[in-house]
Amino acid sequence: MKRNDTQPTAAALRPFGFKDKFGYALGDFGCNMSFVFINSYMMLYFVTCLGIPAEIYAVLIMIAKVWDALDDPVVGALCDATRPKGGSKFMPWIKWGSLPLLVFSIVMFIYVPDAPLWAKCVLCLGTYIVWSTSYTVVNVPYGSLQAVITKDPLQRAELSNARSIGAMLAQAPAMILLPLIIYDQNDNNPHGERFVWIVAVMGLIGFISFYFLRKLVTERIQPQVKGTQKFNYFKSIGAFFTNKPMMGVTISTIAMLAFLMSATNTMSYTFMVYFQNSRMTSLATVVAMLPMVLAIFLCKPLVKRFTKRQLCTYPFILSIAATAVITFVKIENPFIWLAVLAVGMFAVGIYSILNWAMVADCIDFQEEKTGRREEGTIYATYSLFRKLAQGIGQAIVSLALALTGYVEATGAVQTQEVADNIYTMTGALPLIGSIICFFSMLFLYKFGKDSHFDCVSTGDEDPKDMVRRDD
């Protein structure tokens, strides 16, 4: 089978611009309209509002999360194995996945407090499995999409930036406003009947966002479809693990999510037990977001001056220094401690912004090595490790807290030894993550001396270089 003769040429394609960035931002905005609510309030709804025992819910969600992790590479493989029609490889998946995502987001929160326990369990597990599959059908193609929008390094960085902005615009208002709607005036009892209406409004906003994503974003890099090429998932996975830069990004991402981001969970215990000032936890949450906000504004000028490898490697030296200070130096002033932690998290902000652009570069690099275009499989496999890292991070925090000697029954009242241990834990986990991130990016994220990947770009490249050609 020969390449489709109707494939758009460089002259026919709209140049990369604001529409692509705005549309791509809408994609993560739409994803988070569904993900944020379910990730934050699913347990509260099924355990507190519907009355499923916590131990039964734990088993249900464990089964659901295993499915959630495994369906990523399946969807990615299907994206790559399917022959695209009409010049679009990923948009049809987003189109057909967005409707069941909306529907099952709503169905999941149907308020049935008087239903038998088995029915509530079926509702919980069944709807989550369908919802998570629908989310994957949208999210994996969306994440893979960046690699086919443009090849320009600066433009890819701008897309990563736009994606982060879209996610923050969805997450911040949702986390601030939702508690005001869900709880009663005393912030004690959640109103279960309100959940379905909230998720319906948020899901509809997400559905509309996906529609405009498909209208605004252009896929410029067309896949090379050859009749002699057959998709082999295991061969693709093997190439993934021999893709050295991809391993650098994957290992550093695991370290960031499992260790560095643990501070967002452990610092609440630090303020409660060590500083004896739980009221500062809200301020700490806001301060923890500031490095990401700062990174969003600095991203474009920095990428014009430095390579992504430099920006995602050497700032971790600053993180190592800052987290070492809060690990080994007992700071008595909580404001000073928080300021040092914010400095340590700056590298996370830069890395999080440019992370998706680096994945896109690794996809191109793998194609040069193998001769196969497999955005879906590579991105989905990377996404699988992200989800595993999030689960590992929760387990690490729980285990580390237990090792400090923390006694749950006494809350903020702990011995000085336990308080000191919690203080050390809150710095030590990010310190470990910073060290792993630095060395994995330093020694693994390398494309070769003469490689055109990860170069500094001014954004003035010839538009024809954005379109893949048959050589």
Protein backbone atom coordinates (compact mmCIF):
# COMPACT_ATOMS: atom_id res chain seq x y z
CA MET A 1 0.00 0.00 0.00
CA LYS A 2 1.48 3.32 -1.04
CA ARG A 3 1.32 6.50 0.86
CA ASN A 4 -1.93 8.42 0.47
CA ASP A 5 -1.50 10.84 -2.44
CA THR A 6 -3.95 13.24 -0.84
CA GLN A 7 -1.65 13.88 2.11
CA PRO A 8 -1.33 17.65 2.71
CA THR A 9 1.90 19.27 1.59
CA ALA A 10 3.90 21.87 3.47
CA ALA A 11 2.27 24.65 1.49
CA ALA A 12 -1.24 23.38 2.23
CA LEU A 13 -0.78 23.19 5.99
CA ARG A 14 -1.49 26.17 8.23
CA PRO A 15 1.73 27.39 9.91
CA PHE A 16 2.16 26.64 13.60
CA GLY A 17 0.70 29.39 15.72
CA PHE A 18 -1.62 30.52 18.49
CA LYS A 19 -4.46 28.22 17.43
CA ASP A 20 -2.28 25.17 18.01
CA LYS A 21 -1.15 26.34 21.44
CA PHE A 22 -4.62 27.40 22.56
CA GLY A 23 -6.19 24.21 21.22
CA TYR A 24 -3.55 22.02 22.82
CA ALA A 25 -4.06 23.79 26.17
CA LEU A 26 -7.78 23.05 25.88
CA GLY A 27 -6.93 19.35 25.64
CA ASP A 28 -5.37 19.10 29.11
CA PHE A 29 -7.97 21.53 30.42
CA GLY A 30 -10.66 19.12 29.21
CA CYS A 31 -8.87 16.06 30.61
CA ASN A 32 -8.56 17.68 34.02
CA MET A 33 -12.21 18.72 34.06
CA SER A 34 -12.92 15.02 34.49
CA PHE A 35 -9.74 13.74 36.14
CA VAL A 36 -9.44 16.29 38.98
CA PHE A 37 -12.93 15.70 40.32
CA ILE A 38 -12.80 11.91 40.17
CA ASN A 39 -9.26 11.70 41.51
CA SER A 40 -10.09 13.99 44.43
CA TYR A 41 -13.62 13.02 45.38
CA MET A 42 -14.30 9.45 44.25
CA MET A 43 -13.33 7.92 47.61
CA LEU A 44 -15.27 10.56 49.55
CA TYR A 45 -18.37 9.84 47.47
CA PHE A 46 -18.39 6.04 47.60
CA VAL A 47 -17.16 5.64 51.18
CA THR A 48 -18.74 8.62 52.95
CA CYS A 49 -21.82 9.33 50.84
CA LEU A 50 -22.79 5.83 49.66
CA GLY A 51 -21.39 3.95 52.65
CA ILE A 52 -19.11 1.38 51.01
CA PRO A 53 -16.76 0.10 53.79
CA ALA A 54 -13.26 1.51 53.40
CA GLU A 55 -11.61 -1.92 53.24
CA ILE A 56 -13.96 -3.03 50.42
CA TYR A 57 -13.37 0.24 48.57
CA ALA A 58 -9.61 -0.32 48.87
CA VAL A 59 -9.93 -3.67 47.08
CA LEU A 60 -12.19 -2.20 44.40
CA ILE A 61 -9.90 0.73 43.67
CA MET A 62 -6.84 -1.52 43.62
CA ILE A 63 -8.45 -3.66 40.90
CA ALA A 64 -9.52 -0.53 39.05
CA LYS A 65 -6.04 1.05 39.20
CA VAL A 66 -4.40 -2.10 37.81
CA TRP A 67 -6.79 -1.92 34.86
CA ASP A 68 -6.17 1.82 34.57
CA ALA A 69 -2.42 1.27 34.24
CA LEU A 70 -2.64 -1.63 31.79
CA ASP A 71 -5.05 -0.02 29.34
CA ASP A 72 -2.53 2.72 28.44
CA PRO A 73 -0.19 0.55 26.32
CA VAL A 74 -3.20 -1.24 24.81
CA VAL A 75 -4.70 2.04 23.55
CA GLY A 76 -1.28 3.27 22.42
CA ALA A 77 -0.70 0.09 20.44
CA LEU A 78 -4.13 0.37 18.82
CA CYS A 79 -3.38 3.95 17.78
CA ASP A 80 -0.18 2.85 16.05
CA ALA A 81 -1.67 -0.31 14.54
CA THR A 82 -4.63 1.53 13.00
CA ARG A 83 -4.14 2.98 9.55
CA PRO A 84 -5.11 6.67 9.72
CA LYS A 85 -7.72 8.06 7.37
CA GLY A 86 -8.11 11.65 6.29
CA GLY A 87 -4.57 12.56 7.35
CA SER A 88 -5.33 12.49 11.11
CA LYS A 89 -3.86 9.76 13.27
CA PHE A 90 -5.11 10.80 16.71
CA MET A 91 -8.10 13.14 16.37
CA PRO A 92 -10.66 10.35 15.68
CA TRP A 93 -9.70 8.64 18.95
CA ILE A 94 -10.21 11.87 20.88
CA LYS A 95 -13.55 12.42 19.15
CA TRP A 96 -15.02 8.99 19.90
CA GLY A 97 -13.53 8.73 23.39
CA SER A 98 -14.83 12.09 24.61
CA LEU A 99 -18.53 11.13 24.55
CA PRO A 100 -18.33 7.99 26.78
CA LEU A 101 -15.93 9.94 29.02
CA LEU A 102 -18.67 12.50 29.59
CA VAL A 103 -21.45 9.93 30.00
CA PHE A 104 -19.67 7.66 32.48
CA SER A 105 -18.32 10.57 34.50
CA ILE A 106 -21.97 11.34 35.21
CA VAL A 107 -23.16 7.76 35.65
CA MET A 108 -20.43 7.11 38.24
CA PHE A 109 -21.98 9.65 40.62
CA ILE A 110 -25.62 8.65 40.41
CA TYR A 111 -26.80 9.06 44.00
CA VAL A 112 -28.18 5.72 45.26
CA PRO A 113 -27.68 5.70 49.06
CA ASP A 114 -30.39 3.07 49.61
CA ALA A 115 -29.09 0.56 47.05
CA PRO A 116 -27.70 -2.77 48.33
CA LEU A 117 -23.97 -2.94 48.94
CA TRP A 118 -23.31 -5.22 45.96
CA ALA A 119 -25.00 -2.71 43.63
CA LYS A 120 -22.89 0.14 45.00
CA CYS A 121 -19.75 -1.96 44.47
CA VAL A 122 -20.76 -2.73 40.88
CA LEU A 123 -21.45 0.96 40.30
CA CYS A 124 -18.05 1.89 41.72
CA LEU A 125 -15.89 -0.67 39.94
CA GLY A 126 -17.85 -0.96 36.69
CA THR A 127 -18.21 2.73 35.98
CA TYR A 128 -14.61 3.47 36.95
CA ILE A 129 -13.28 0.83 34.54
CA VAL A 130 -15.35 2.22 31.66
CA TRP A 131 -14.52 5.80 32.64
CA SER A 132 -10.77 5.11 32.92
CA THR A 133 -10.77 3.32 29.56
CA SER A 134 -12.58 6.28 27.97
CA TYR A 135 -10.13 8.66 29.62
CA THR A 136 -7.20 6.67 28.23
CA VAL A 137 -8.75 6.65 24.75
CA VAL A 138 -8.73 10.46 24.92
CA ASN A 139 -5.59 11.12 26.96
CA VAL A 140 -3.07 8.82 25.24
CA PRO A 141 -3.82 10.17 21.72
CA TYR A 142 -3.84 13.69 23.16
CA GLY A 143 -0.42 13.23 24.73
CA SER A 144 0.92 11.58 21.56
CA LEU A 145 -0.45 14.45 19.48
CA GLN A 146 2.37 16.82 20.42
CA ALA A 147 4.89 14.79 18.44
CA VAL A 148 2.94 15.28 15.19
CA ILE A 149 2.05 18.97 15.55
CA THR A 150 5.58 20.29 15.03
CA LYS A 151 9.23 19.24 15.06
CA ASP A 152 10.60 22.63 16.08
CA PRO A 153 12.16 22.50 19.60
CA LEU A 154 10.89 25.94 20.66
CA GLN A 155 7.39 25.24 19.39
CA ARG A 156 7.31 21.92 21.24
CA ALA A 157 8.35 23.73 24.39
CA GLU A 158 5.52 26.20 23.82
CA LEU A 159 3.06 23.31 23.48
CA SER A 160 4.33 21.81 26.74
CA ASN A 161 3.90 25.21 28.33
CA ALA A 162 0.38 25.52 26.95
CA ARG A 163 -0.50 22.05 28.25
CA SER A 164 0.66 22.99 31.74
CA ILE A 165 -1.36 26.21 31.66
CA GLY A 166 -4.46 24.28 30.58
CA ALA A 167 -4.02 21.81 33.43
CA MET A 168 -3.50 24.56 36.03
CA LEU A 169 -6.53 26.53 34.82
CA ALA A 170 -8.64 23.42 35.40
CA GLN A 171 -7.07 22.27 38.66
CA ALA A 172 -6.76 25.48 40.67
CA PRO A 173 -10.40 26.71 40.49
CA ALA A 174 -11.71 23.17 40.92
CA MET A 175 -9.70 22.56 44.09
CA ILE A 176 -10.73 25.94 45.55
CA LEU A 177 -14.44 26.05 44.59
CA LEU A 178 -15.50 22.43 44.85
CA PRO A 179 -15.16 22.14 48.65
CA LEU A 180 -17.42 25.19 48.99
CA ILE A 181 -20.14 23.44 46.98
CA ILE A 182 -19.79 19.87 48.22
CA TYR A 183 -19.71 20.44 51.99
CA ASP A 184 -22.27 22.03 54.27
CA GLN A 185 -21.64 25.31 56.05
CA ASN A 186 -19.70 23.59 58.83
CA ASP A 187 -17.46 21.71 56.32
CA ASN A 188 -18.44 18.44 57.94
CA ASN A 189 -20.91 16.50 55.80
CA PRO A 190 -20.61 16.21 52.00
CA HIS A 191 -23.87 16.41 50.06
CA GLY A 192 -23.88 13.26 47.94
CA GLU A 193 -26.75 14.42 45.74
CA ARG A 194 -24.69 17.37 44.48
CA PHE A 195 -21.85 15.30 43.03
CA VAL A 196 -23.65 14.23 39.85
CA TRP A 197 -24.57 17.81 38.90
CA ILE A 198 -21.06 19.06 39.54
CA VAL A 199 -19.44 16.34 37.45
CA ALA A 200 -22.05 16.84 34.70
CA VAL A 201 -21.15 20.53 34.36
CA MET A 202 -17.41 19.85 34.50
CA GLY A 203 -17.71 16.93 32.06
CA LEU A 204 -19.66 19.03 29.58
CA ILE A 205 -17.01 21.77 29.74
CA GLY A 206 -14.39 19.10 29.06
CA PHE A 207 -16.38 17.68 26.13
CA ILE A 208 -16.61 21.15 24.55
CA SER A 209 -12.87 21.64 25.13
CA PHE A 210 -12.09 18.44 23.20
CA TYR A 211 -14.27 19.65 20.32
CA PHE A 212 -12.29 22.88 19.98
CA LEU A 213 -9.02 20.98 20.41
CA ARG A 214 -9.88 18.99 17.28
CA LYS A 215 -10.85 22.15 15.39
CA LEU A 216 -7.84 24.27 16.31
CA VAL A 217 -4.87 21.87 16.28
CA THR A 218 -3.21 20.71 13.05
CA GLU A 219 -1.27 17.45 12.67
CA ARG A 220 1.63 18.41 10.41
CA ILE A 221 3.86 15.34 10.66
CA GLN A 222 2.20 12.59 8.68
CA PRO A 223 2.90 8.91 9.42
CA GLN A 224 4.75 6.87 6.86
CA VAL A 225 2.39 4.01 6.01
CA LYS A 226 3.98 1.12 4.14
CA GLY A 227 2.31 -2.10 3.17
CA THR A 228 5.32 -4.19 4.21
CA GLN A 229 5.39 -2.74 7.72
CA LYS A 230 3.38 -4.69 10.29
CA PHE A 231 2.87 -3.51 13.81
CA ASN A 232 4.68 -5.57 16.45
CA TYR A 233 3.95 -4.41 20.00
CA PHE A 234 6.73 -6.40 21.66
CA LYS A 235 9.24 -5.11 19.14
CA SER A 236 8.08 -1.56 19.91
CA ILE A 237 8.40 -2.11 23.67
CA GLY A 238 11.90 -3.50 23.18
CA ALA A 239 12.85 -0.36 21.25
CA PHE A 240 11.36 1.75 24.07
CA PHE A 241 13.70 0.22 26.64
CA THR A 242 16.74 0.63 24.39
CA ASN A 243 15.88 4.26 23.72
CA LYS A 244 18.45 5.83 26.05
CA PRO A 245 17.00 9.36 26.15
CA MET A 246 13.53 7.90 26.76
CA MET A 247 14.93 5.95 29.69
CA GLY A 248 16.41 9.17 31.06
CA VAL A 249 13.04 10.92 30.90
CA THR A 250 11.17 7.90 32.29
CA ILE A 251 13.49 7.34 35.27
CA SER A 252 13.59 11.03 36.16
CA THR A 253 9.79 11.25 35.90
CA ILE A 254 9.38 8.27 38.23
CA ALA A 255 11.78 9.88 40.70
CA MET A 256 10.00 13.22 40.48
CA LEU A 257 6.51 11.78 41.02
CA ALA A 258 7.46 9.20 43.65
CA PHE A 259 9.95 11.24 45.68
CA LEU A 260 10.04 14.94 44.85
CA MET A 261 6.28 15.41 44.75
CA SER A 262 5.97 13.61 48.09
CA ALA A 263 6.53 16.98 49.75
CA THR A 264 2.96 18.00 48.91
CA ASN A 265 1.74 15.16 51.16
CA THR A 266 4.39 15.10 53.89
CA MET A 267 4.58 18.83 54.59
CA SER A 268 1.11 18.77 56.16
CA TYR A 269 2.57 16.48 58.86
CA THR A 270 5.60 18.73 59.19
CA PHE A 271 3.45 21.77 59.91
CA MET A 272 1.12 19.82 62.18
CA VAL A 273 3.73 17.97 64.26
CA TYR A 274 7.09 19.77 63.94
CA PHE A 275 6.02 23.41 63.57
CA GLN A 276 2.72 22.93 65.46
CA ASN A 277 1.00 25.22 62.97
CA SER A 278 -1.44 23.33 60.72
CA ARG A 279 -2.97 26.58 59.47
CA MET A 280 0.11 27.14 57.32
CA THR A 281 -0.62 24.04 55.24
CA SER A 282 -2.93 26.02 52.91
CA LEU A 283 -0.25 28.66 52.43
CA ALA A 284 2.29 25.91 51.79
CA THR A 285 0.09 24.43 49.05
CA VAL A 286 -0.04 27.80 47.31
CA VAL A 287 3.71 28.33 47.68
CA ALA A 288 4.37 24.85 46.26
CA MET A 289 2.58 25.93 43.07
CA LEU A 290 4.61 29.13 42.62
CA PRO A 291 7.66 27.46 40.99
CA MET A 292 5.33 25.99 38.33
CA VAL A 293 3.79 29.41 37.69
CA LEU A 294 7.24 31.00 37.48
CA ALA A 295 8.41 28.26 35.11
CA ILE A 296 5.47 28.93 32.79
CA PHE A 297 6.55 32.56 32.32
CA LEU A 298 10.26 31.74 32.00
CA CYS A 299 9.90 28.74 29.71
CA LYS A 300 10.00 30.44 26.29
CA PRO A 301 12.95 32.80 26.91
CA LEU A 302 14.93 30.02 28.60
CA VAL A 303 14.40 27.56 25.74
CA LYS A 304 15.70 30.20 23.33
CA ARG A 305 18.93 30.36 25.32
CA PHE A 306 19.44 26.83 26.65
CA THR A 307 18.66 23.30 25.50
CA LYS A 308 15.91 21.27 27.16
CA ARG A 309 18.57 18.89 28.49
CA GLN A 310 20.37 21.74 30.23
CA LEU A 311 17.15 23.16 31.67
CA CYS A 312 15.93 19.78 32.92
CA THR A 313 19.28 18.65 34.36
CA TYR A 314 21.29 21.36 36.07
CA PRO A 315 18.47 23.05 38.07
CA PHE A 316 18.29 19.78 40.01
CA ILE A 317 21.64 20.75 41.56
CA LEU A 318 19.76 23.61 43.19
CA SER A 319 17.07 21.15 44.29
CA ILE A 320 19.70 18.85 45.79
CA ALA A 321 21.21 21.73 47.75
CA ALA A 322 17.86 23.07 49.00
CA THR A 323 16.43 19.70 50.01
CA ALA A 324 19.72 18.79 51.71
CA VAL A 325 19.38 21.94 53.82
CA ILE A 326 15.84 21.13 54.96
CA THR A 327 16.89 17.53 55.62
CA PHE A 328 19.98 18.10 57.74
CA VAL A 329 19.50 21.62 59.13
CA LYS A 330 16.76 22.06 61.72
CA ILE A 331 15.00 25.28 60.68
CA GLU A 332 12.75 26.64 63.43
CA ASN A 333 11.02 29.33 61.39
CA PRO A 334 8.29 27.77 59.18
CA PHE A 335 8.41 30.66 56.70
CA ILE A 336 12.14 30.20 56.10
CA TRP A 337 11.65 26.44 55.79
CA LEU A 338 8.88 26.96 53.24
CA ALA A 339 11.02 29.41 51.23
CA VAL A 340 13.89 26.90 51.04
CA LEU A 341 11.47 24.17 49.94
CA ALA A 342 10.09 26.46 47.21
CA VAL A 343 13.64 26.98 45.90
CA GLY A 344 14.08 23.22 45.83
CA MET A 345 10.89 22.78 43.83
CA PHE A 346 11.90 25.21 41.06
CA ALA A 347 13.57 22.42 39.08
CA VAL A 348 10.32 20.46 39.27
CA GLY A 349 8.49 23.39 37.69
CA ILE A 350 10.90 23.63 34.75
CA TYR A 351 10.98 19.85 34.30
CA SER A 352 7.19 19.53 34.41
CA ILE A 353 6.78 22.20 31.73
CA LEU A 354 9.33 20.74 29.32
CA ASN A 355 8.65 17.09 30.09
CA TRP A 356 6.13 16.59 27.30
CA ALA A 357 8.39 18.24 24.72
CA MET A 358 11.21 15.85 25.68
CA VAL A 359 8.88 12.87 25.22
CA ALA A 360 8.05 14.14 21.72
CA ASP A 361 11.77 14.37 20.91
CA CYS A 362 12.30 10.82 22.18
CA ILE A 363 9.51 9.62 19.89
CA ASP A 364 11.28 11.17 16.89
CA PHE A 365 14.58 9.69 18.03
CA GLN A 366 13.08 6.22 18.22
CA GLU A 367 11.71 6.58 14.70
CA GLU A 368 15.19 7.46 13.42
CA LYS A 369 16.54 4.33 15.11
CA THR A 370 13.80 1.89 14.08
CA GLY A 371 12.24 3.42 10.96
CA ARG A 372 8.78 3.11 12.56
CA ARG A 373 6.48 5.94 13.67
CA GLU A 374 4.95 4.81 16.99
CA GLU A 375 3.84 7.86 18.97
CA GLY A 376 0.93 6.02 20.58
CA THR A 377 2.89 3.06 21.90
CA ILE A 378 5.79 5.12 23.22
CA TYR A 379 3.64 7.73 24.91
CA ALA A 380 1.31 5.11 26.39
CA THR A 381 4.21 3.10 27.81
CA TYR A 382 5.62 6.27 29.33
CA SER A 383 2.16 7.07 30.74
CA LEU A 384 2.05 3.59 32.30
CA PHE A 385 5.24 4.34 34.24
CA ARG A 386 3.84 7.70 35.34
CA LYS A 387 0.80 5.99 36.85
CA LEU A 388 2.95 3.36 38.54
CA ALA A 389 5.15 6.11 39.97
CA GLN A 390 2.14 7.87 41.46
CA GLY A 391 1.09 4.66 43.19
CA ILE A 392 4.65 3.99 44.36
CA GLY A 393 4.84 7.54 45.73
CA GLN A 394 1.76 7.04 47.88
CA ALA A 395 3.18 3.79 49.23
CA ILE A 396 6.56 5.40 49.96
CA VAL A 397 4.97 8.25 51.90
CA SER A 398 2.85 5.85 53.98
CA LEU A 399 5.84 3.62 54.72
CA ALA A 400 8.12 6.54 55.55
CA LEU A 401 5.53 8.01 57.90
CA ALA A 402 5.23 4.67 59.69
CA LEU A 403 9.02 4.50 60.05
CA THR A 404 9.08 7.88 61.81
CA GLY A 405 7.15 6.36 64.71
CA TYR A 406 4.08 8.53 64.08
CA VAL A 407 1.08 7.51 66.23
CA GLU A 408 -2.20 8.20 64.42
CA ALA A 409 -4.32 8.20 67.57
CA THR A 410 -2.53 11.19 69.08
CA GLY A 411 -2.57 13.39 65.96
CA ALA A 412 -0.40 16.49 66.40
CA VAL A 413 0.78 15.38 69.84
CA GLN A 414 3.95 13.36 69.18
CA THR A 415 7.31 12.96 70.89
CA GLN A 416 10.14 15.28 69.88
CA GLU A 417 11.92 12.32 68.30
CA VAL A 418 8.94 11.62 66.04
CA ALA A 419 8.63 15.32 65.17
CA ASP A 420 12.31 15.42 64.18
CA ASN A 421 11.92 12.25 62.14
CA ILE A 422 8.96 13.70 60.23
CA TYR A 423 10.95 16.88 59.59
CA THR A 424 13.84 14.82 58.21
CA MET A 425 11.52 12.63 56.12
CA THR A 426 9.93 15.65 54.41
CA GLY A 427 13.34 16.77 53.16
CA ALA A 428 14.95 13.37 52.59
CA LEU A 429 12.40 12.03 50.10
CA PRO A 430 12.70 15.04 47.73
CA LEU A 431 16.48 14.92 48.20
CA ILE A 432 16.57 11.33 46.94
CA GLY A 433 14.33 12.27 44.03
CA SER A 434 16.49 15.28 43.09
CA ILE A 435 19.64 13.13 43.02
CA ILE A 436 18.01 10.47 40.81
CA CYS A 437 16.58 13.12 38.46
CA PHE A 438 19.94 14.85 38.07
CA PHE A 439 21.98 11.76 37.28
CA SER A 440 19.37 10.11 35.02
CA MET A 441 19.09 13.27 32.91
CA LEU A 442 22.85 13.87 32.96
CA PHE A 443 23.91 10.39 31.82
CA LEU A 444 20.92 9.04 29.91
CA TYR A 445 19.19 11.94 28.16
CA LYS A 446 21.72 12.17 25.33
CA PHE A 447 21.05 12.05 21.58
CA GLY A 448 24.63 12.23 20.32
CA LYS A 449 27.02 15.03 19.47
CA ASP A 450 25.74 15.59 15.92
CA SER A 451 22.07 15.06 16.66
CA HIS A 452 19.54 17.73 15.70
CA PHE A 453 17.42 16.87 18.76
CA ASP A 454 17.29 19.12 21.80
CA CYS A 455 18.86 22.04 19.97
CA VAL A 456 18.29 25.69 20.80
CA SER A 457 15.67 27.19 18.49
CA THR A 458 14.74 30.77 17.66
CA GLY A 459 11.42 29.73 16.13
CA ASP A 460 12.45 31.05 12.68
CA GLU A 461 13.04 27.69 11.00
CA ASP A 462 11.80 27.00 7.48
CA PRO A 463 8.18 25.74 7.71
CA LYS A 464 8.98 22.87 5.31
CA ASP A 465 11.11 21.33 8.07
CA MET A 466 7.97 20.85 10.14
CA VAL A 467 6.55 18.35 7.67
CA ARG A 468 7.91 14.82 7.47
CA ARG A 469 8.96 13.84 3.96
CA ASP A 470 9.82 10.58 2.24
CA ASP A 471 13.60 10.44 1.79
